[in-house]
Amino acid sequence: MTNLDSKINGLLAGQSFIISTFKNITCSVERTGDGKTLRFVRTFENGSFEVYETTDFYFV
């Protein structure tokens, strides 16, 4: 299991963390409030964002 996998598996419902930042774009992963879904999000410099991936949350 990679360090990123460990961090994702450790997320509690409603938590998030930043995966990377490049050219004023921040990529993060968040677990939904009900804990059932992970969302991968790009946040842009102007504050807009896009969810570029969603997946059911399964503890590995």
C-alpha atoms as a PDB file:
ATOM      1  CA  MET A   1       0.000   0.000   0.000  1.00  0.00           C
ATOM      2  CA  THR A   2       1.379   3.422  -0.931  1.00  0.00           C
ATOM      3  CA  ASN A   3       1.494   6.450   1.330  1.00  0.00           C
ATOM      4  CA  LEU A   4      -1.299   8.051  -0.732  1.00  0.00           C
ATOM      5  CA  ASP A   5      -3.461   4.946  -0.278  1.00  0.00           C
ATOM      6  CA  SER A   6      -2.862   5.110   3.484  1.00  0.00           C
ATOM      7  CA  LYS A   7      -3.891   8.764   3.620  1.00  0.00           C
ATOM      8  CA  ILE A   8      -7.032   8.118   1.589  1.00  0.00           C
ATOM      9  CA  ASN A   9      -7.978   5.090   3.707  1.00  0.00           C
ATOM     10  CA  GLY A  10      -7.509   7.224   6.827  1.00  0.00           C
ATOM     11  CA  LEU A  11      -9.986   9.893   5.720  1.00  0.00           C
ATOM     12  CA  LEU A  12     -13.007  10.228   7.954  1.00  0.00           C
ATOM     13  CA  ALA A  13     -16.385  11.331   6.608  1.00  0.00           C
ATOM     14  CA  GLY A  14     -16.200  15.000   5.618  1.00  0.00           C
ATOM     15  CA  GLN A  15     -12.388  15.192   5.566  1.00  0.00           C
ATOM     16  CA  SER A  16     -10.108  16.094   2.663  1.00  0.00           C
ATOM     17  CA  PHE A  17      -6.456  16.683   1.879  1.00  0.00           C
ATOM     18  CA  ILE A  18      -4.387  18.177  -0.924  1.00  0.00           C
ATOM     19  CA  ILE A  19      -2.767  15.712  -3.313  1.00  0.00           C
ATOM     20  CA  SER A  20      -0.803  18.227  -5.394  1.00  0.00           C
ATOM     21  CA  THR A  21      -0.491  21.831  -6.508  1.00  0.00           C
ATOM     22  CA  PHE A  22       0.818  22.944  -9.913  1.00  0.00           C
ATOM     23  CA  LYS A  23       0.521  26.303 -11.679  1.00  0.00           C
ATOM     24  CA  ASN A  24      -2.081  27.578  -9.187  1.00  0.00           C
ATOM     25  CA  ILE A  25      -4.267  24.493  -9.603  1.00  0.00           C
ATOM     26  CA  THR A  26      -4.781  22.410  -6.470  1.00  0.00           C
ATOM     27  CA  CYS A  27      -5.868  18.781  -6.637  1.00  0.00           C
ATOM     28  CA  SER A  28      -7.457  17.290  -3.557  1.00  0.00           C
ATOM     29  CA  VAL A  29      -9.374  14.221  -2.471  1.00  0.00           C
ATOM     30  CA  GLU A  30     -12.373  14.409  -0.159  1.00  0.00           C
ATOM     31  CA  ARG A  31     -14.645  11.895   1.479  1.00  0.00           C
ATOM     32  CA  THR A  32     -18.316  12.816   1.455  1.00  0.00           C
ATOM     33  CA  GLY A  33     -20.184  13.578   4.658  1.00  0.00           C
ATOM     34  CA  ASP A  34     -21.897  10.203   4.621  1.00  0.00           C
ATOM     35  CA  GLY A  35     -18.499   8.535   4.114  1.00  0.00           C
ATOM     36  CA  LYS A  36     -19.613   6.492   1.103  1.00  0.00           C
ATOM     37  CA  THR A  37     -17.922   8.361  -1.766  1.00  0.00           C
ATOM     38  CA  LEU A  38     -14.520   9.809  -2.609  1.00  0.00           C
ATOM     39  CA  ARG A  39     -14.319  12.879  -4.837  1.00  0.00           C
ATOM     40  CA  PHE A  40     -11.184  14.044  -6.593  1.00  0.00           C
ATOM     41  CA  VAL A  41     -11.345  17.802  -7.115  1.00  0.00           C
ATOM     42  CA  ARG A  42      -9.342  20.416  -9.057  1.00  0.00           C
ATOM     43  CA  THR A  43      -9.559  23.916  -7.597  1.00  0.00           C
ATOM     44  CA  PHE A  44      -8.458  26.797  -9.804  1.00  0.00           C
ATOM     45  CA  GLU A  45      -6.864  30.117  -8.877  1.00  0.00           C
ATOM     46  CA  ASN A  46     -10.150  31.999  -9.317  1.00  0.00           C
ATOM     47  CA  GLY A  47     -11.895  29.718  -6.787  1.00  0.00           C
ATOM     48  CA  SER A  48     -13.817  27.630  -9.301  1.00  0.00           C
ATOM     49  CA  PHE A  49     -13.505  23.865  -9.093  1.00  0.00           C
ATOM     50  CA  GLU A  50     -14.337  20.685 -10.922  1.00  0.00           C
ATOM     51  CA  VAL A  51     -14.902  17.182  -9.633  1.00  0.00           C
ATOM     52  CA  TYR A  52     -12.913  15.104 -12.096  1.00  0.00           C
ATOM     53  CA  GLU A  53     -13.434  11.671 -10.534  1.00  0.00           C
ATOM     54  CA  THR A  54     -15.827  10.068  -8.071  1.00  0.00           C
ATOM     55  CA  THR A  55     -15.693   6.564  -6.698  1.00  0.00           C
ATOM     56  CA  ASP A  56     -17.362   4.501  -4.011  1.00  0.00           C
ATOM     57  CA  PHE A  57     -15.258   4.393  -0.859  1.00  0.00           C
ATOM     58  CA  TYR A  58     -13.929   0.972   0.056  1.00  0.00           C
ATOM     59  CA  PHE A  59     -11.387   0.568   2.805  1.00  0.00           C
ATOM     60  CA  VAL A  60      -8.390  -1.290   1.346  1.00  0.00           C
END
